[in-house]
C-alpha cells in the first residue's frame, strides 16, 4: 500500500514524460505516447539491400565498396524516431533500448536475424562511454539479443582519439584514419552489427573491416534508423 501511494505521489510531483514529444504520459510505466508511436516514420517500398536507401544520389550505391554485405533499418531518422534515438543516446532513457529492439525484432528481414548469426554492437569510444555512463549500441544489441535469442558478442573496441560523428561532414566521416576499430577475442562466422543510426555508413564500414580482418566470413548491419 505504501509503495502504491508513493508511486501516485511521485506521478503527481514528477509525471512520466514521453521520450518523443515530452508530453505527460497517462501511465507511469509508459515511455512513448500513442501519438508519437503512430507518427514513427516507417520506411516501406523497395530499398537497396546494401545501403538501405530507397534511392541513390548520383545513381551509385554509397556502400558499394563497404565491408558489410547488407544493411537495413526500419525507420527514417526524422520525426519521432529521431526523438527516441536522442532520448536514449543523450537523455539516458535506457528502457527505450527495449522498445527500439522490439521494433527491430518485429520487422527485420529473416535473412538478417537468423540462427548462426552473432550480434555485435558498434563500440563507443571508452572516453565517451565514461562520460555518458553507458553505450547505447550495446544496450540496443543486448535488448535485441534477448528478443531474438541470438548471442551477443562485444568483440569490437575503439582505439585512438575520440571523434564525434555528430556534426561531421560526409568527407570527414569517410576519412580512413578517422575511426580506429579492432576486433578482439574469438570471431564468429557471421556477424550482425547493431547501431542506433546509419548515416554515411563510415562507422559500420570500419567495424565490418575490423571483423573481416579478424576472420569473420560475413558481416551485415542493422540500425534503428536510416538517414535519408
Protein backbone atom coordinates (compact mmCIF):
# COMPACT_ATOMS: atom_id res chain seq x y z
CA UNK A 1 0.00 0.00 0.00
CA UNK A 2 2.85 2.36 0.89
CA UNK A 3 4.65 1.75 -2.41
CA UNK A 4 1.45 2.37 -4.38
CA UNK A 5 0.77 5.59 -2.51
CA UNK A 6 4.36 6.68 -3.07
CA UNK A 7 4.04 5.96 -6.80
CA UNK A 8 0.88 8.02 -7.01
CA UNK A 9 2.51 10.96 -5.24
CA UNK A 10 5.59 10.65 -7.44
CA UNK A 11 3.41 10.63 -10.56
CA UNK A 12 1.91 13.95 -9.45
CA UNK A 13 5.20 15.60 -8.48
CA UNK A 14 7.23 14.16 -11.37
CA UNK A 15 4.83 12.86 -14.04
CA UNK A 16 6.21 10.47 -16.67
CA UNK A 17 7.27 12.27 -19.83
CA UNK A 18 7.05 10.92 -23.37
CA UNK A 19 10.51 10.39 -24.87
CA UNK A 20 9.24 11.71 -28.19
CA UNK A 21 7.10 14.81 -27.70
CA UNK A 22 7.90 15.29 -23.98
CA UNK A 23 4.23 15.44 -23.13
CA UNK A 24 2.86 13.93 -19.93
CA UNK A 25 2.10 10.23 -20.24
CA UNK A 26 -1.12 8.74 -18.85
CA UNK A 27 0.71 5.79 -17.26
CA UNK A 28 3.84 5.76 -15.13
CA UNK A 29 5.14 2.61 -16.86
CA UNK A 30 4.90 4.13 -20.36
CA UNK A 31 7.85 5.52 -22.31
CA UNK A 32 6.30 6.82 -25.51
CA UNK A 33 2.83 8.23 -26.13
CA UNK A 34 0.45 6.77 -28.68
CA UNK A 35 0.70 9.80 -30.96
CA UNK A 36 4.49 9.50 -31.21
CA UNK A 37 4.29 5.78 -31.88
CA UNK A 38 1.72 6.33 -34.62
CA UNK A 39 3.91 9.07 -36.11
CA UNK A 40 7.01 6.88 -36.42
CA UNK A 41 8.38 7.31 -39.98
CA UNK A 42 8.42 3.66 -41.08
CA UNK A 43 10.30 3.01 -44.31
CA UNK A 44 8.49 1.00 -46.94
CA UNK A 45 8.91 0.02 -50.56
CA UNK A 46 11.98 -1.17 -52.40
CA UNK A 47 15.36 -0.26 -50.95
CA UNK A 48 18.94 -1.08 -51.80
CA UNK A 49 19.91 -4.17 -49.79
CA UNK A 50 23.48 -2.89 -49.47
CA UNK A 51 22.99 0.66 -48.19
CA UNK A 52 19.29 0.53 -47.16
CA UNK A 53 18.43 3.69 -49.11
CA UNK A 54 15.33 3.90 -51.33
CA UNK A 55 17.32 5.76 -54.00
CA UNK A 56 20.96 6.50 -54.75
CA UNK A 57 22.24 10.03 -55.14
CA UNK A 58 24.05 10.08 -58.47
CA UNK A 59 22.88 6.56 -59.25
CA UNK A 60 25.66 4.79 -57.33
CA UNK A 61 25.29 2.88 -54.06
CA UNK A 62 27.35 4.65 -51.36
CA UNK A 63 28.09 1.26 -49.78
CA UNK A 64 29.33 -0.39 -52.97
CA UNK A 65 32.85 -0.69 -51.51
CA UNK A 66 31.79 -1.30 -47.91
CA UNK A 67 32.96 -4.36 -45.99
CA UNK A 68 29.40 -5.20 -44.90
CA UNK A 69 27.22 -7.12 -47.34
CA UNK A 70 23.77 -5.98 -46.24
CA UNK A 71 22.29 -3.21 -44.13
CA UNK A 72 18.76 -2.50 -43.01
CA UNK A 73 16.78 -0.07 -40.86
CA UNK A 74 13.01 0.06 -40.26
CA UNK A 75 12.71 3.83 -39.81
CA UNK A 76 13.87 7.10 -41.31
CA UNK A 77 16.00 9.20 -38.98
CA UNK A 78 13.50 12.01 -38.60
CA UNK A 79 10.46 12.98 -36.55
CA UNK A 80 9.62 10.80 -33.57
CA UNK A 81 12.25 8.20 -34.49
CA UNK A 82 14.96 10.83 -34.20
CA UNK A 83 13.49 11.98 -30.89
CA UNK A 84 13.61 8.44 -29.48
CA UNK A 85 17.23 7.97 -30.55
CA UNK A 86 18.13 11.31 -28.98
CA UNK A 87 16.34 10.44 -25.75
CA UNK A 88 18.25 7.17 -25.47
CA UNK A 89 21.61 8.45 -26.62
CA UNK A 90 21.80 11.83 -24.92
CA UNK A 91 18.92 11.73 -22.43
CA UNK A 92 19.80 8.46 -20.75
CA UNK A 93 16.32 6.96 -21.27
CA UNK A 94 17.79 3.46 -21.20
CA UNK A 95 14.50 1.49 -21.20
CA UNK A 96 13.94 2.85 -24.72
CA UNK A 97 16.52 0.34 -25.94
CA UNK A 98 13.99 -2.43 -25.39
CA UNK A 99 11.28 -0.51 -27.25
CA UNK A 100 13.61 0.02 -30.18
CA UNK A 101 14.77 -3.61 -30.10
CA UNK A 102 11.13 -4.71 -30.23
CA UNK A 103 10.67 -2.67 -33.42
CA UNK A 104 13.80 -4.22 -34.92
CA UNK A 105 12.88 -7.79 -33.98
CA UNK A 106 9.33 -7.42 -35.29
CA UNK A 107 10.28 -6.02 -38.69
CA UNK A 108 13.77 -7.33 -39.51
CA UNK A 109 14.10 -9.40 -42.69
CA UNK A 110 14.54 -13.10 -41.85
CA UNK A 111 17.86 -13.18 -43.68
CA UNK A 112 19.42 -10.83 -41.13
CA UNK A 113 18.15 -12.21 -37.84
CA UNK A 114 18.54 -15.97 -38.05
CA UNK A 115 20.29 -18.84 -36.24
CA UNK A 116 24.04 -18.84 -36.64
CA UNK A 117 24.31 -15.05 -36.53
CA UNK A 118 26.10 -13.32 -33.66
CA UNK A 119 25.02 -9.79 -32.72
CA UNK A 120 27.95 -7.37 -32.42
CA UNK A 121 27.33 -3.84 -31.06
CA UNK A 122 29.18 -0.95 -32.67
CA UNK A 123 31.56 0.16 -29.91
CA UNK A 124 31.55 3.58 -28.32
CA UNK A 125 34.90 5.18 -27.61
CA UNK A 126 35.92 4.48 -23.96
CA UNK A 127 36.17 8.18 -23.15
CA UNK A 128 32.67 8.82 -24.47
CA UNK A 129 31.31 5.77 -22.66
CA UNK A 130 32.76 7.01 -19.37
CA UNK A 131 31.32 10.47 -19.96
CA UNK A 132 27.90 9.16 -20.95
CA UNK A 133 27.81 6.33 -18.42
CA UNK A 134 26.59 3.74 -20.94
CA UNK A 135 26.92 2.57 -24.53
CA UNK A 136 23.64 2.95 -26.42
CA UNK A 137 24.57 0.45 -29.16
CA UNK A 138 25.49 -2.15 -26.54
CA UNK A 139 22.16 -1.60 -24.80
CA UNK A 140 20.29 -1.93 -28.10
CA UNK A 141 22.26 -5.05 -29.07
CA UNK A 142 21.61 -6.67 -25.71
CA UNK A 143 17.89 -5.98 -25.93
CA UNK A 144 17.79 -7.35 -29.49
CA UNK A 145 19.64 -10.45 -28.37
CA UNK A 146 17.12 -11.11 -25.60
CA UNK A 147 14.22 -10.74 -28.02
CA UNK A 148 15.66 -12.89 -30.80
CA UNK A 149 17.59 -15.44 -28.76
CA UNK A 150 20.77 -14.66 -30.73
CA UNK A 151 24.09 -14.44 -28.88
CA UNK A 152 25.73 -11.05 -28.37
CA UNK A 153 29.48 -10.54 -28.55
CA UNK A 154 31.20 -7.27 -27.66
CA UNK A 155 34.22 -8.24 -29.74
CA UNK A 156 34.96 -4.76 -31.12
CA UNK A 157 36.66 -1.85 -29.41
CA UNK A 158 37.58 1.68 -30.39
CA UNK A 159 41.15 2.93 -30.31
CA UNK A 160 42.84 6.26 -30.88
CA UNK A 161 41.39 9.68 -30.17
CA UNK A 162 37.70 10.14 -29.53
CA UNK A 163 35.93 11.64 -32.55
CA UNK A 164 32.35 12.82 -32.80
CA UNK A 165 30.40 11.70 -35.85
CA UNK A 166 27.54 14.04 -34.98
CA UNK A 167 28.03 17.26 -36.93
CA UNK A 168 30.88 15.92 -39.08
CA UNK A 169 30.69 16.31 -42.84
CA UNK A 170 30.43 13.28 -45.09
CA UNK A 171 34.06 13.72 -46.17
CA UNK A 172 35.18 13.89 -42.53
CA UNK A 173 33.16 10.82 -41.62
CA UNK A 174 34.63 8.85 -44.54
CA UNK A 175 38.26 9.77 -43.86
CA UNK A 176 40.15 6.44 -43.49
CA UNK A 177 42.09 7.44 -40.36
CA UNK A 178 39.10 8.95 -38.54
CA UNK A 179 37.90 5.73 -36.88
CA UNK A 180 40.17 3.10 -35.38
CA UNK A 181 38.36 -0.13 -34.58
CA UNK A 182 39.83 -3.52 -33.73
CA UNK A 183 38.33 -6.96 -33.10
CA UNK A 184 39.27 -8.92 -30.01
CA UNK A 185 38.55 -12.41 -28.73
CA UNK A 186 37.03 -15.16 -30.83
CA UNK A 187 35.48 -14.29 -34.18
CA UNK A 188 32.00 -15.53 -35.17
CA UNK A 189 31.46 -16.83 -38.70
CA UNK A 190 28.55 -14.43 -39.25
CA UNK A 191 28.20 -11.08 -37.52
CA UNK A 192 25.30 -8.64 -37.38
CA UNK A 193 26.46 -5.14 -36.47
CA UNK A 194 23.97 -3.17 -34.38
CA UNK A 195 23.86 0.62 -34.00
CA UNK A 196 21.23 3.30 -33.47
CA UNK A 197 21.62 5.27 -36.72
CA UNK A 198 23.07 4.58 -40.18
CA UNK A 199 24.24 7.89 -41.64
CA UNK A 200 27.09 7.63 -44.16
CA UNK A 201 27.97 4.07 -43.21
CA UNK A 202 31.56 5.02 -42.29
CA UNK A 203 31.33 3.62 -38.75
CA UNK A 204 29.64 0.42 -39.90
CA UNK A 205 32.29 0.01 -42.60
CA UNK A 206 35.16 0.49 -40.14
CA UNK A 207 33.63 -2.10 -37.80
CA UNK A 208 32.98 -4.53 -40.66
CA UNK A 209 36.57 -4.21 -41.87
CA UNK A 210 37.88 -4.95 -38.38
CA UNK A 211 35.68 -8.05 -38.19
CA UNK A 212 36.74 -9.22 -41.65
CA UNK A 213 40.40 -8.81 -40.74
CA UNK A 214 39.71 -10.92 -37.66
CA UNK A 215 38.34 -13.80 -39.72
CA UNK A 216 34.60 -13.13 -39.81
CA UNK A 217 33.19 -14.52 -43.06
CA UNK A 218 30.03 -12.43 -43.46
CA UNK A 219 29.05 -9.10 -41.94
CA UNK A 220 25.63 -7.42 -42.10
CA UNK A 221 24.29 -4.39 -40.26
CA UNK A 222 21.02 -3.39 -38.67
CA UNK A 223 20.20 0.03 -37.22
CA UNK A 224 17.10 1.56 -35.74
CA UNK A 225 17.01 4.46 -38.19
CA UNK A 226 18.47 5.45 -41.56
CA UNK A 227 19.43 8.98 -42.52
CA UNK A 228 17.92 9.69 -45.94
